[in-house]
Amino acid sequence: MASIYISSDAYQWYESGPVTDVTIRGNHFTRPTTPVIFVEPTNQAVDLENPVHRDISVTENTFDINDITLINAKSVKGLRFTANTIRRLESPAHPKYTSPLYTFTACTDVQTSGNELNTE
């Protein structure tokens, strides 16, 4: 399961709602499973003009990862992934990286900048 999971179950259970102004800062994620941060609202129709979530900031974190995706996000306006340290760790099981660092579906105003990427 994701290290951080943001949903918005507006399709079946109605257990959670949309988020606005979320900051994920100062964490150290060590060999998490994929994706590290998973934003998955259960809306069936996606509308770029009416996203489910708004203003999610992931900043000043450290990620020690294998061949996995850092962020898989759907229906977010204003997603910031900045000033993070990413260390991709190679292992015999994963000698080459094939997973994308980011996957964005129906997201707008996305910024990924100022991150430090190291591979071993």
PDB file of N, CA and C in Angstrom:
ATOM      1  N   MET A   1       0.837  -1.176   0.000  1.00  0.00           N
ATOM      2  CA  MET A   1       0.000   0.000   0.000  1.00  0.00           C
ATOM      3  C   MET A   1       0.885   1.243   0.000  1.00  0.00           C
ATOM      4  N   ALA A   2       0.330   2.327  -0.447  1.00  0.00           N
ATOM      5  CA  ALA A   2       1.061   3.586  -0.509  1.00  0.00           C
ATOM      6  C   ALA A   2       1.436   4.079   0.886  1.00  0.00           C
ATOM      7  N   SER A   3       2.543   4.793   0.969  1.00  0.00           N
ATOM      8  CA  SER A   3       2.938   5.400   2.241  1.00  0.00           C
ATOM      9  C   SER A   3       1.951   6.489   2.640  1.00  0.00           C
ATOM     10  N   ILE A   4       1.536   7.284   1.671  1.00  0.00           N
ATOM     11  CA  ILE A   4       0.506   8.310   1.892  1.00  0.00           C
ATOM     12  C   ILE A   4      -0.574   8.110   0.843  1.00  0.00           C
ATOM     13  N   TYR A   5      -1.790   7.944   1.310  1.00  0.00           N
ATOM     14  CA  TYR A   5      -2.927   7.662   0.431  1.00  0.00           C
ATOM     15  C   TYR A   5      -4.017   8.703   0.661  1.00  0.00           C
ATOM     16  N   ILE A   6      -4.338   9.431  -0.390  1.00  0.00           N
ATOM     17  CA  ILE A   6      -5.416  10.426  -0.344  1.00  0.00           C
ATOM     18  C   ILE A   6      -6.470   9.967  -1.332  1.00  0.00           C
ATOM     19  N   SER A   7      -7.670   9.745  -0.859  1.00  0.00           N
ATOM     20  CA  SER A   7      -8.737   9.263  -1.737  1.00  0.00           C
ATOM     21  C   SER A   7      -9.768  10.359  -1.946  1.00  0.00           C
ATOM     22  N   SER A   8     -10.945  10.096  -1.766  1.00  0.00           N
ATOM     23  CA  SER A   8     -12.166  10.900  -1.797  1.00  0.00           C
ATOM     24  C   SER A   8     -13.202   9.959  -2.354  1.00  0.00           C
ATOM     25  N   ASP A   9     -13.722   9.157  -1.472  1.00  0.00           N
ATOM     26  CA  ASP A   9     -14.647   8.118  -1.884  1.00  0.00           C
ATOM     27  C   ASP A   9     -16.032   8.708  -2.097  1.00  0.00           C
ATOM     28  N   ALA A  10     -16.216   9.272  -3.266  1.00  0.00           N
ATOM     29  CA  ALA A  10     -17.499   9.895  -3.596  1.00  0.00           C
ATOM     30  C   ALA A  10     -18.288   9.050  -4.577  1.00  0.00           C
ATOM     31  N   TYR A  11     -17.912   7.806  -4.705  1.00  0.00           N
ATOM     32  CA  TYR A  11     -18.587   6.943  -5.673  1.00  0.00           C
ATOM     33  C   TYR A  11     -19.400   5.838  -5.006  1.00  0.00           C
ATOM     34  N   GLN A  12     -18.858   5.227  -3.958  1.00  0.00           N
ATOM     35  CA  GLN A  12     -19.558   4.096  -3.361  1.00  0.00           C
ATOM     36  C   GLN A  12     -19.812   4.269  -1.862  1.00  0.00           C
ATOM     37  N   TRP A  13     -18.772   4.479  -1.078  1.00  0.00           N
ATOM     38  CA  TRP A  13     -18.923   4.475   0.375  1.00  0.00           C
ATOM     39  C   TRP A  13     -19.125   5.853   0.973  1.00  0.00           C
ATOM     40  N   TYR A  14     -18.668   6.887   0.319  1.00  0.00           N
ATOM     41  CA  TYR A  14     -18.783   8.265   0.822  1.00  0.00           C
ATOM     42  C   TYR A  14     -18.132   8.417   2.201  1.00  0.00           C
ATOM     43  N   GLU A  15     -16.958   7.804   2.356  1.00  0.00           N
ATOM     44  CA  GLU A  15     -16.258   7.859   3.638  1.00  0.00           C
ATOM     45  C   GLU A  15     -15.306   9.039   3.759  1.00  0.00           C
ATOM     46  N   SER A  16     -14.935   9.650   2.651  1.00  0.00           N
ATOM     47  CA  SER A  16     -14.004  10.771   2.712  1.00  0.00           C
ATOM     48  C   SER A  16     -14.334  11.756   1.606  1.00  0.00           C
ATOM     49  N   GLY A  17     -13.827  12.948   1.757  1.00  0.00           N
ATOM     50  CA  GLY A  17     -14.111  13.982   0.772  1.00  0.00           C
ATOM     51  C   GLY A  17     -12.840  14.558   0.185  1.00  0.00           C
ATOM     52  N   PRO A  18     -12.975  15.585  -0.614  1.00  0.00           N
ATOM     53  CA  PRO A  18     -11.813  16.200  -1.257  1.00  0.00           C
ATOM     54  C   PRO A  18     -10.925  16.926  -0.251  1.00  0.00           C
ATOM     55  N   VAL A  19      -9.659  17.077  -0.627  1.00  0.00           N
ATOM     56  CA  VAL A  19      -8.725  17.821   0.212  1.00  0.00           C
ATOM     57  C   VAL A  19      -8.299  19.096  -0.502  1.00  0.00           C
ATOM     58  N   THR A  20      -7.953  20.081   0.300  1.00  0.00           N
ATOM     59  CA  THR A  20      -7.361  21.320  -0.214  1.00  0.00           C
ATOM     60  C   THR A  20      -6.259  21.731   0.755  1.00  0.00           C
ATOM     61  N   ASP A  21      -5.192  22.276   0.207  1.00  0.00           N
ATOM     62  CA  ASP A  21      -4.103  22.801   1.011  1.00  0.00           C
ATOM     63  C   ASP A  21      -3.461  21.747   1.907  1.00  0.00           C
ATOM     64  N   VAL A  22      -2.930  20.691   1.285  1.00  0.00           N
ATOM     65  CA  VAL A  22      -2.226  19.626   2.001  1.00  0.00           C
ATOM     66  C   VAL A  22      -0.731  19.791   1.775  1.00  0.00           C
ATOM     67  N   THR A  23       0.054  19.712   2.850  1.00  0.00           N
ATOM     68  CA  THR A  23       1.509  19.775   2.735  1.00  0.00           C
ATOM     69  C   THR A  23       2.117  18.513   3.345  1.00  0.00           C
ATOM     70  N   ILE A  24       2.978  17.860   2.562  1.00  0.00           N
ATOM     71  CA  ILE A  24       3.726  16.692   3.010  1.00  0.00           C
ATOM     72  C   ILE A  24       5.190  17.137   3.017  1.00  0.00           C
ATOM     73  N   ARG A  25       5.738  17.356   4.214  1.00  0.00           N
ATOM     74  CA  ARG A  25       7.071  17.958   4.311  1.00  0.00           C
ATOM     75  C   ARG A  25       7.896  17.301   5.414  1.00  0.00           C
ATOM     76  N   GLY A  26       9.203  17.165   5.126  1.00  0.00           N
ATOM     77  CA  GLY A  26      10.152  16.746   6.147  1.00  0.00           C
ATOM     78  C   GLY A  26      10.115  15.270   6.508  1.00  0.00           C
ATOM     79  N   ASN A  27       9.681  14.435   5.587  1.00  0.00           N
ATOM     80  CA  ASN A  27       9.605  12.996   5.842  1.00  0.00           C
ATOM     81  C   ASN A  27      10.753  12.269   5.152  1.00  0.00           C
ATOM     82  N   HIS A  28      11.066  11.083   5.652  1.00  0.00           N
ATOM     83  CA  HIS A  28      12.061  10.223   5.020  1.00  0.00           C
ATOM     84  C   HIS A  28      11.364   8.902   4.702  1.00  0.00           C
ATOM     85  N   PHE A  29      11.202   8.632   3.421  1.00  0.00           N
ATOM     86  CA  PHE A  29      10.554   7.411   2.953  1.00  0.00           C
ATOM     87  C   PHE A  29      11.649   6.425   2.563  1.00  0.00           C
ATOM     88  N   THR A  30      11.759   5.310   3.290  1.00  0.00           N
ATOM     89  CA  THR A  30      12.823   4.351   3.081  1.00  0.00           C
ATOM     90  C   THR A  30      12.264   3.066   2.479  1.00  0.00           C
ATOM     91  N   ARG A  31      12.622   2.827   1.231  1.00  0.00           N
ATOM     92  CA  ARG A  31      12.221   1.627   0.485  1.00  0.00           C
ATOM     93  C   ARG A  31      10.711   1.343   0.564  1.00  0.00           C
ATOM     94  N   PRO A  32       9.911   2.352   0.268  1.00  0.00           N
ATOM     95  CA  PRO A  32       8.466   2.128   0.288  1.00  0.00           C
ATOM     96  C   PRO A  32       8.027   1.326  -0.926  1.00  0.00           C
ATOM     97  N   THR A  33       6.794   0.857  -0.871  1.00  0.00           N
ATOM     98  CA  THR A  33       6.219   0.186  -2.032  1.00  0.00           C
ATOM     99  C   THR A  33       5.557   1.231  -2.913  1.00  0.00           C
ATOM    100  N   THR A  34       5.241   0.844  -4.107  1.00  0.00           N
ATOM    101  CA  THR A  34       4.716   1.805  -5.068  1.00  0.00           C
ATOM    102  C   THR A  34       3.222   1.979  -4.950  1.00  0.00           C
ATOM    103  N   PRO A  35       2.695   3.110  -5.283  1.00  0.00           N
ATOM    104  CA  PRO A  35       3.390   4.392  -5.334  1.00  0.00           C
ATOM    105  C   PRO A  35       3.593   4.917  -3.918  1.00  0.00           C
ATOM    106  N   VAL A  36       4.566   5.783  -3.738  1.00  0.00           N
ATOM    107  CA  VAL A  36       4.823   6.317  -2.404  1.00  0.00           C
ATOM    108  C   VAL A  36       3.657   7.210  -1.980  1.00  0.00           C
ATOM    109  N   ILE A  37       3.268   8.122  -2.858  1.00  0.00           N
ATOM    110  CA  ILE A  37       2.136   9.014  -2.597  1.00  0.00           C
ATOM    111  C   ILE A  37       1.087   8.723  -3.659  1.00  0.00           C
ATOM    112  N   PHE A  38      -0.079   8.303  -3.218  1.00  0.00           N
ATOM    113  CA  PHE A  38      -1.151   7.866  -4.103  1.00  0.00           C
ATOM    114  C   PHE A  38      -2.379   8.732  -3.870  1.00  0.00           C
ATOM    115  N   VAL A  39      -2.752   9.499  -4.878  1.00  0.00           N
ATOM    116  CA  VAL A  39      -3.937  10.357  -4.811  1.00  0.00           C
ATOM    117  C   VAL A  39      -4.950   9.753  -5.772  1.00  0.00           C
ATOM    118  N   GLU A  40      -5.968   9.111  -5.222  1.00  0.00           N
ATOM    119  CA  GLU A  40      -6.882   8.321  -6.032  1.00  0.00           C
ATOM    120  C   GLU A  40      -8.344   8.556  -5.644  1.00  0.00           C
ATOM    121  N   PRO A  41      -8.923   9.660  -6.075  1.00  0.00           N
ATOM    122  CA  PRO A  41     -10.354   9.812  -5.830  1.00  0.00           C
ATOM    123  C   PRO A  41     -11.119   8.783  -6.663  1.00  0.00           C
ATOM    124  N   THR A  42     -12.285   8.409  -6.192  1.00  0.00           N
ATOM    125  CA  THR A  42     -13.036   7.356  -6.869  1.00  0.00           C
ATOM    126  C   THR A  42     -14.025   7.903  -7.894  1.00  0.00           C
ATOM    127  N   ASN A  43     -13.889   9.172  -8.247  1.00  0.00           N
ATOM    128  CA  ASN A  43     -14.807   9.741  -9.239  1.00  0.00           C
ATOM    129  C   ASN A  43     -14.687   9.005 -10.565  1.00  0.00           C
ATOM    130  N   GLN A  44     -15.807   8.732 -11.188  1.00  0.00           N
ATOM    131  CA  GLN A  44     -15.830   8.002 -12.458  1.00  0.00           C
ATOM    132  C   GLN A  44     -15.548   8.914 -13.641  1.00  0.00           C
ATOM    133  N   ALA A  45     -16.069  10.129 -13.598  1.00  0.00           N
ATOM    134  CA  ALA A  45     -15.827  11.102 -14.672  1.00  0.00           C
ATOM    135  C   ALA A  45     -14.770  12.088 -14.204  1.00  0.00           C
ATOM    136  N   VAL A  46     -13.776  12.321 -15.058  1.00  0.00           N
ATOM    137  CA  VAL A  46     -12.746  13.300 -14.716  1.00  0.00           C
ATOM    138  C   VAL A  46     -12.976  14.564 -15.527  1.00  0.00           C
ATOM    139  N   ASP A  47     -12.853  15.688 -14.859  1.00  0.00           N
ATOM    140  CA  ASP A  47     -13.108  16.989 -15.475  1.00  0.00           C
ATOM    141  C   ASP A  47     -11.979  17.925 -15.078  1.00  0.00           C
ATOM    142  N   LEU A  48     -11.163  18.336 -16.038  1.00  0.00           N
ATOM    143  CA  LEU A  48     -10.037  19.223 -15.740  1.00  0.00           C
ATOM    144  C   LEU A  48     -10.483  20.541 -15.127  1.00  0.00           C
ATOM    145  N   GLU A  49     -11.687  20.986 -15.453  1.00  0.00           N
ATOM    146  CA  GLU A  49     -12.209  22.247 -14.919  1.00  0.00           C
ATOM    147  C   GLU A  49     -12.704  22.104 -13.475  1.00  0.00           C
ATOM    148  N   ASN A  50     -13.018  20.897 -13.060  1.00  0.00           N
ATOM    149  CA  ASN A  50     -13.533  20.649 -11.712  1.00  0.00           C
ATOM    150  C   ASN A  50     -12.802  19.476 -11.064  1.00  0.00           C
ATOM    151  N   PRO A  51     -11.542  19.674 -10.679  1.00  0.00           N
ATOM    152  CA  PRO A  51     -10.798  18.578 -10.061  1.00  0.00           C
ATOM    153  C   PRO A  51     -11.346  18.256  -8.671  1.00  0.00           C
ATOM    154  N   VAL A  52     -11.086  17.058  -8.233  1.00  0.00           N
ATOM    155  CA  VAL A  52     -11.532  16.643  -6.898  1.00  0.00           C
ATOM    156  C   VAL A  52     -10.677  17.298  -5.820  1.00  0.00           C
ATOM    157  N   HIS A  53      -9.351  17.247  -5.971  1.00  0.00           N
ATOM    158  CA  HIS A  53      -8.426  17.765  -4.957  1.00  0.00           C
ATOM    159  C   HIS A  53      -7.720  19.018  -5.474  1.00  0.00           C
ATOM    160  N   ARG A  54      -7.279  19.848  -4.518  1.00  0.00           N
ATOM    161  CA  ARG A  54      -6.566  21.083  -4.873  1.00  0.00           C
ATOM    162  C   ARG A  54      -5.397  21.327  -3.908  1.00  0.00           C
ATOM    163  N   ASP A  55      -4.338  21.874  -4.490  1.00  0.00           N
ATOM    164  CA  ASP A  55      -3.204  22.392  -3.716  1.00  0.00           C
ATOM    165  C   ASP A  55      -2.577  21.364  -2.772  1.00  0.00           C
ATOM    166  N   ILE A  56      -1.918  20.392  -3.370  1.00  0.00           N
ATOM    167  CA  ILE A  56      -1.147  19.402  -2.620  1.00  0.00           C
ATOM    168  C   ILE A  56       0.325  19.699  -2.857  1.00  0.00           C
ATOM    169  N   SER A  57       1.066  19.880  -1.773  1.00  0.00           N
ATOM    170  CA  SER A  57       2.487  20.204  -1.852  1.00  0.00           C
ATOM    171  C   SER A  57       3.309  19.102  -1.194  1.00  0.00           C
ATOM    172  N   VAL A  58       4.271  18.582  -1.947  1.00  0.00           N
ATOM    173  CA  VAL A  58       5.211  17.577  -1.438  1.00  0.00           C
ATOM    174  C   VAL A  58       6.584  18.220  -1.527  1.00  0.00           C
ATOM    175  N   THR A  59       7.152  18.593  -0.392  1.00  0.00           N
ATOM    176  CA  THR A  59       8.378  19.372  -0.407  1.00  0.00           C
ATOM    177  C   THR A  59       9.315  18.988   0.739  1.00  0.00           C
ATOM    178  N   GLU A  60      10.614  19.065   0.457  1.00  0.00           N
ATOM    179  CA  GLU A  60      11.668  18.855   1.441  1.00  0.00           C
ATOM    180  C   GLU A  60      11.601  17.477   2.104  1.00  0.00           C
ATOM    181  N   ASN A  61      11.320  16.464   1.306  1.00  0.00           N
ATOM    182  CA  ASN A  61      11.302  15.078   1.763  1.00  0.00           C
ATOM    183  C   ASN A  61      12.488  14.334   1.166  1.00  0.00           C
ATOM    184  N   THR A  62      12.813  13.189   1.731  1.00  0.00           N
ATOM    185  CA  THR A  62      13.844  12.310   1.188  1.00  0.00           C
ATOM    186  C   THR A  62      13.195  10.973   0.850  1.00  0.00           C
ATOM    187  N   PHE A  63      13.467  10.507  -0.361  1.00  0.00           N
ATOM    188  CA  PHE A  63      12.925   9.246  -0.842  1.00  0.00           C
ATOM    189  C   PHE A  63      14.070   8.308  -1.195  1.00  0.00           C
ATOM    190  N   ASP A  64      14.201   7.203  -0.491  1.00  0.00           N
ATOM    191  CA  ASP A  64      15.148   6.140  -0.842  1.00  0.00           C
ATOM    192  C   ASP A  64      14.319   5.022  -1.442  1.00  0.00           C
ATOM    193  N   ILE A  65      14.362   4.899  -2.769  1.00  0.00           N
ATOM    194  CA  ILE A  65      13.431   4.010  -3.466  1.00  0.00           C
ATOM    195  C   ILE A  65      14.145   3.076  -4.427  1.00  0.00           C
ATOM    196  N   ASN A  66      13.484   1.985  -4.725  1.00  0.00           N
ATOM    197  CA  ASN A  66      13.915   1.101  -5.797  1.00  0.00           C
ATOM    198  C   ASN A  66      13.186   1.543  -7.068  1.00  0.00           C
ATOM    199  N   ASP A  67      12.871   0.636  -7.932  1.00  0.00           N
ATOM    200  CA  ASP A  67      12.217   0.943  -9.208  1.00  0.00           C
ATOM    201  C   ASP A  67      10.704   1.074  -9.002  1.00  0.00           C
ATOM    202  N   ILE A  68      10.292   2.218  -8.448  1.00  0.00           N
ATOM    203  CA  ILE A  68       8.876   2.462  -8.194  1.00  0.00           C
ATOM    204  C   ILE A  68       8.495   3.880  -8.586  1.00  0.00           C
ATOM    205  N   THR A  69       7.211   4.138  -8.625  1.00  0.00           N
ATOM    206  CA  THR A  69       6.683   5.471  -8.901  1.00  0.00           C
ATOM    207  C   THR A  69       6.544   6.235  -7.593  1.00  0.00           C
ATOM    208  N   LEU A  70       7.000   7.490  -7.580  1.00  0.00           N
ATOM    209  CA  LEU A  70       6.889   8.317  -6.380  1.00  0.00           C
ATOM    210  C   LEU A  70       5.462   8.804  -6.159  1.00  0.00           C
ATOM    211  N   ILE A  71       4.899   9.418  -7.207  1.00  0.00           N
ATOM    212  CA  ILE A  71       3.550   9.983  -7.087  1.00  0.00           C
ATOM    213  C   ILE A  71       2.680   9.458  -8.217  1.00  0.00           C
ATOM    214  N   ASN A  72       1.530   8.941  -7.851  1.00  0.00           N
ATOM    215  CA  ASN A  72       0.489   8.583  -8.806  1.00  0.00           C
ATOM    216  C   ASN A  72      -0.729   9.399  -8.390  1.00  0.00           C
ATOM    217  N   ALA A  73      -1.081  10.401  -9.182  1.00  0.00           N
ATOM    218  CA  ALA A  73      -2.140  11.325  -8.787  1.00  0.00           C
ATOM    219  C   ALA A  73      -3.191  11.468  -9.874  1.00  0.00           C
ATOM    220  N   LYS A  74      -4.435  11.594  -9.431  1.00  0.00           N
ATOM    221  CA  LYS A  74      -5.573  11.769 -10.322  1.00  0.00           C
ATOM    222  C   LYS A  74      -6.409  12.946  -9.822  1.00  0.00           C
ATOM    223  N   SER A  75      -6.843  13.782 -10.748  1.00  0.00           N
ATOM    224  CA  SER A  75      -7.800  14.853 -10.490  1.00  0.00           C
ATOM    225  C   SER A  75      -7.347  15.826  -9.404  1.00  0.00           C
ATOM    226  N   VAL A  76      -6.153  16.420  -9.629  1.00  0.00           N
ATOM    227  CA  VAL A  76      -5.603  17.405  -8.700  1.00  0.00           C
ATOM    228  C   VAL A  76      -5.278  18.672  -9.478  1.00  0.00           C
ATOM    229  N   LYS A  77      -5.651  19.813  -8.923  1.00  0.00           N
ATOM    230  CA  LYS A  77      -5.210  21.103  -9.463  1.00  0.00           C
ATOM    231  C   LYS A  77      -4.253  21.708  -8.443  1.00  0.00           C
ATOM    232  N   GLY A  78      -3.054  22.058  -8.912  1.00  0.00           N
ATOM    233  CA  GLY A  78      -2.079  22.666  -8.025  1.00  0.00           C
ATOM    234  C   GLY A  78      -1.279  21.649  -7.238  1.00  0.00           C
ATOM    235  N   LEU A  79      -0.636  20.737  -7.946  1.00  0.00           N
ATOM    236  CA  LEU A  79       0.214  19.727  -7.306  1.00  0.00           C
ATOM    237  C   LEU A  79       1.662  20.175  -7.427  1.00  0.00           C
ATOM    238  N   ARG A  80       2.347  20.287  -6.285  1.00  0.00           N
ATOM    239  CA  ARG A  80       3.737  20.732  -6.259  1.00  0.00           C
ATOM    240  C   ARG A  80       4.616  19.629  -5.679  1.00  0.00           C
ATOM    241  N   PHE A  81       5.647  19.241  -6.433  1.00  0.00           N
ATOM    242  CA  PHE A  81       6.644  18.291  -5.962  1.00  0.00           C
ATOM    243  C   PHE A  81       7.981  19.000  -6.104  1.00  0.00           C
ATOM    244  N   THR A  82       8.449  19.635  -5.019  1.00  0.00           N
ATOM    245  CA  THR A  82       9.612  20.511  -5.093  1.00  0.00           C
ATOM    246  C   THR A  82      10.569  20.290  -3.925  1.00  0.00           C
ATOM    247  N   ALA A  83      11.851  20.540  -4.190  1.00  0.00           N
ATOM    248  CA  ALA A  83      12.908  20.547  -3.176  1.00  0.00           C
ATOM    249  C   ALA A  83      13.014  19.221  -2.418  1.00  0.00           C
ATOM    250  N   ASN A  84      12.810  18.123  -3.100  1.00  0.00           N
ATOM    251  CA  ASN A  84      12.927  16.795  -2.508  1.00  0.00           C
ATOM    252  C   ASN A  84      14.238  16.144  -2.927  1.00  0.00           C
ATOM    253  N   THR A  85      14.724  15.208  -2.137  1.00  0.00           N
ATOM    254  CA  THR A  85      15.889  14.409  -2.481  1.00  0.00           C
ATOM    255  C   THR A  85      15.407  13.002  -2.806  1.00  0.00           C
ATOM    256  N   ILE A  86      15.759  12.536  -3.997  1.00  0.00           N
ATOM    257  CA  ILE A  86      15.332  11.223  -4.462  1.00  0.00           C
ATOM    258  C   ILE A  86      16.575  10.390  -4.708  1.00  0.00           C
ATOM    259  N   ARG A  87      16.680   9.273  -4.012  1.00  0.00           N
ATOM    260  CA  ARG A  87      17.801   8.363  -4.211  1.00  0.00           C
ATOM    261  C   ARG A  87      17.232   7.053  -4.728  1.00  0.00           C
ATOM    262  N   ARG A  88      17.512   6.777  -6.001  1.00  0.00           N
ATOM    263  CA  ARG A  88      17.065   5.512  -6.594  1.00  0.00           C
ATOM    264  C   ARG A  88      18.142   4.472  -6.329  1.00  0.00           C
ATOM    265  N   LEU A  89      17.770   3.452  -5.604  1.00  0.00           N
ATOM    266  CA  LEU A  89      18.702   2.415  -5.188  1.00  0.00           C
ATOM    267  C   LEU A  89      18.617   1.235  -6.141  1.00  0.00           C
ATOM    268  N   GLU A  90      19.739   0.849  -6.672  1.00  0.00           N
ATOM    269  CA  GLU A  90      19.762  -0.291  -7.587  1.00  0.00           C
ATOM    270  C   GLU A  90      19.953  -1.569  -6.789  1.00  0.00           C
ATOM    271  N   SER A  91      19.316  -2.620  -7.240  1.00  0.00           N
ATOM    272  CA  SER A  91      19.466  -3.921  -6.592  1.00  0.00           C
ATOM    273  C   SER A  91      19.520  -4.994  -7.672  1.00  0.00           C
ATOM    274  N   PRO A  92      19.980  -6.194  -7.332  1.00  0.00           N
ATOM    275  CA  PRO A  92      20.004  -7.267  -8.340  1.00  0.00           C
ATOM    276  C   PRO A  92      18.617  -7.555  -8.915  1.00  0.00           C
ATOM    277  N   ALA A  93      17.591  -7.376  -8.117  1.00  0.00           N
ATOM    278  CA  ALA A  93      16.228  -7.627  -8.599  1.00  0.00           C
ATOM    279  C   ALA A  93      15.755  -6.524  -9.552  1.00  0.00           C
ATOM    280  N   HIS A  94      16.320  -5.330  -9.408  1.00  0.00           N
ATOM    281  CA  HIS A  94      15.932  -4.188 -10.243  1.00  0.00           C
ATOM    282  C   HIS A  94      17.178  -3.475 -10.768  1.00  0.00           C
ATOM    283  N   PRO A  95      17.888  -4.090 -11.710  1.00  0.00           N
ATOM    284  CA  PRO A  95      19.130  -3.480 -12.184  1.00  0.00           C
ATOM    285  C   PRO A  95      18.912  -2.225 -13.028  1.00  0.00           C
ATOM    286  N   LYS A  96      17.731  -2.066 -13.611  1.00  0.00           N
ATOM    287  CA  LYS A  96      17.445  -0.882 -14.410  1.00  0.00           C
ATOM    288  C   LYS A  96      16.102  -0.319 -13.982  1.00  0.00           C
ATOM    289  N   TYR A  97      15.944   0.975 -14.155  1.00  0.00           N
ATOM    290  CA  TYR A  97      14.706   1.630 -13.759  1.00  0.00           C
ATOM    291  C   TYR A  97      13.743   1.649 -14.935  1.00  0.00           C
ATOM    292  N   THR A  98      12.553   1.133 -14.715  1.00  0.00           N
ATOM    293  CA  THR A  98      11.538   1.130 -15.764  1.00  0.00           C
ATOM    294  C   THR A  98      10.280   1.890 -15.355  1.00  0.00           C
ATOM    295  N   SER A  99      10.083   2.106 -14.065  1.00  0.00           N
ATOM    296  CA  SER A  99       8.896   2.812 -13.583  1.00  0.00           C
ATOM    297  C   SER A  99       9.102   4.317 -13.690  1.00  0.00           C
ATOM    298  N   PRO A 100       8.070   5.039 -14.123  1.00  0.00           N
ATOM    299  CA  PRO A 100       8.194   6.502 -14.149  1.00  0.00           C
ATOM    300  C   PRO A 100       8.175   7.048 -12.719  1.00  0.00           C
ATOM    301  N   LEU A 101       8.839   8.156 -12.501  1.00  0.00           N
ATOM    302  CA  LEU A 101       8.803   8.766 -11.174  1.00  0.00           C
ATOM    303  C   LEU A 101       7.418   9.321 -10.857  1.00  0.00           C
ATOM    304  N   TYR A 102       6.726   9.845 -11.871  1.00  0.00           N
ATOM    305  CA  TYR A 102       5.423  10.474 -11.662  1.00  0.00           C
ATOM    306  C   TYR A 102       4.414   9.954 -12.673  1.00  0.00           C
ATOM    307  N   THR A 103       3.172   9.818 -12.225  1.00  0.00           N
ATOM    308  CA  THR A 103       2.053   9.520 -13.111  1.00  0.00           C
ATOM    309  C   THR A 103       0.923  10.471 -12.739  1.00  0.00           C
ATOM    310  N   PHE A 104       0.513  11.297 -13.694  1.00  0.00           N
ATOM    311  CA  PHE A 104      -0.547  12.272 -13.448  1.00  0.00           C
ATOM    312  C   PHE A 104      -1.693  12.027 -14.419  1.00  0.00           C
ATOM    313  N   THR A 105      -2.916  11.891 -13.893  1.00  0.00           N
ATOM    314  CA  THR A 105      -4.107  11.703 -14.700  1.00  0.00           C
ATOM    315  C   THR A 105      -5.082  12.829 -14.379  1.00  0.00           C
ATOM    316  N   ALA A 106      -5.462  13.580 -15.390  1.00  0.00           N
ATOM    317  CA  ALA A 106      -6.411  14.691 -15.229  1.00  0.00           C
ATOM    318  C   ALA A 106      -5.960  15.674 -14.151  1.00  0.00           C
ATOM    319  N   CYS A 107      -4.665  15.968 -14.113  1.00  0.00           N
ATOM    320  CA  CYS A 107      -4.110  16.939 -13.163  1.00  0.00           C
ATOM    321  C   CYS A 107      -3.704  18.199 -13.935  1.00  0.00           C
ATOM    322  N   THR A 108      -3.890  19.349 -13.317  1.00  0.00           N
ATOM    323  CA  THR A 108      -3.495  20.612 -13.923  1.00  0.00           C
ATOM    324  C   THR A 108      -2.645  21.403 -12.937  1.00  0.00           C
ATOM    325  N   ASP A 109      -1.878  22.336 -13.477  1.00  0.00           N
ATOM    326  CA  ASP A 109      -1.019  23.190 -12.668  1.00  0.00           C
ATOM    327  C   ASP A 109      -0.074  22.349 -11.804  1.00  0.00           C
ATOM    328  N   VAL A 110       0.637  21.440 -12.461  1.00  0.00           N
ATOM    329  CA  VAL A 110       1.581  20.540 -11.783  1.00  0.00           C
ATOM    330  C   VAL A 110       2.986  21.115 -11.910  1.00  0.00           C
ATOM    331  N   GLN A 111       3.724  21.114 -10.811  1.00  0.00           N
ATOM    332  CA  GLN A 111       5.101  21.594 -10.822  1.00  0.00           C
ATOM    333  C   GLN A 111       6.006  20.552 -10.191  1.00  0.00           C
ATOM    334  N   THR A 112       7.027  20.134 -10.922  1.00  0.00           N
ATOM    335  CA  THR A 112       8.062  19.252 -10.393  1.00  0.00           C
ATOM    336  C   THR A 112       9.401  19.936 -10.667  1.00  0.00           C
ATOM    337  N   SER A 113       9.930  20.588  -9.645  1.00  0.00           N
ATOM    338  CA  SER A 113      11.178  21.322  -9.861  1.00  0.00           C
ATOM    339  C   SER A 113      11.996  21.388  -8.570  1.00  0.00           C
ATOM    340  N   GLY A 114      13.298  21.646  -8.750  1.00  0.00           N
ATOM    341  CA  GLY A 114      14.181  21.809  -7.615  1.00  0.00           C
ATOM    342  C   GLY A 114      14.453  20.533  -6.842  1.00  0.00           C
ATOM    343  N   ASN A 115      14.198  19.396  -7.457  1.00  0.00           N
ATOM    344  CA  ASN A 115      14.439  18.111  -6.813  1.00  0.00           C
ATOM    345  C   ASN A 115      15.827  17.601  -7.160  1.00  0.00           C
ATOM    346  N   GLU A 116      16.437  16.898  -6.241  1.00  0.00           N
ATOM    347  CA  GLU A 116      17.756  16.313  -6.464  1.00  0.00           C
ATOM    348  C   GLU A 116      17.577  14.815  -6.679  1.00  0.00           C
ATOM    349  N   LEU A 117      18.011  14.319  -7.831  1.00  0.00           N
ATOM    350  CA  LEU A 117      17.878  12.906  -8.169  1.00  0.00           C
ATOM    351  C   LEU A 117      19.250  12.269  -8.204  1.00  0.00           C
ATOM    352  N   ASN A 118      19.448  11.247  -7.367  1.00  0.00           N
ATOM    353  CA  ASN A 118      20.692  10.490  -7.309  1.00  0.00           C
ATOM    354  C   ASN A 118      20.401   9.040  -7.598  1.00  0.00           C
ATOM    355  N   THR A 119      21.260   8.396  -8.375  1.00  0.00           N
ATOM    356  CA  THR A 119      21.149   6.965  -8.597  1.00  0.00           C
ATOM    357  C   THR A 119      22.417   6.295  -8.116  1.00  0.00           C
ATOM    358  N   GLU A 120      22.267   5.131  -7.534  1.00  0.00           N
ATOM    359  CA  GLU A 120      23.439   4.397  -7.038  1.00  0.00           C
ATOM    360  C   GLU A 120      23.687   3.197  -7.908  1.00  0.00           C
TER     361      GLU A 120
END
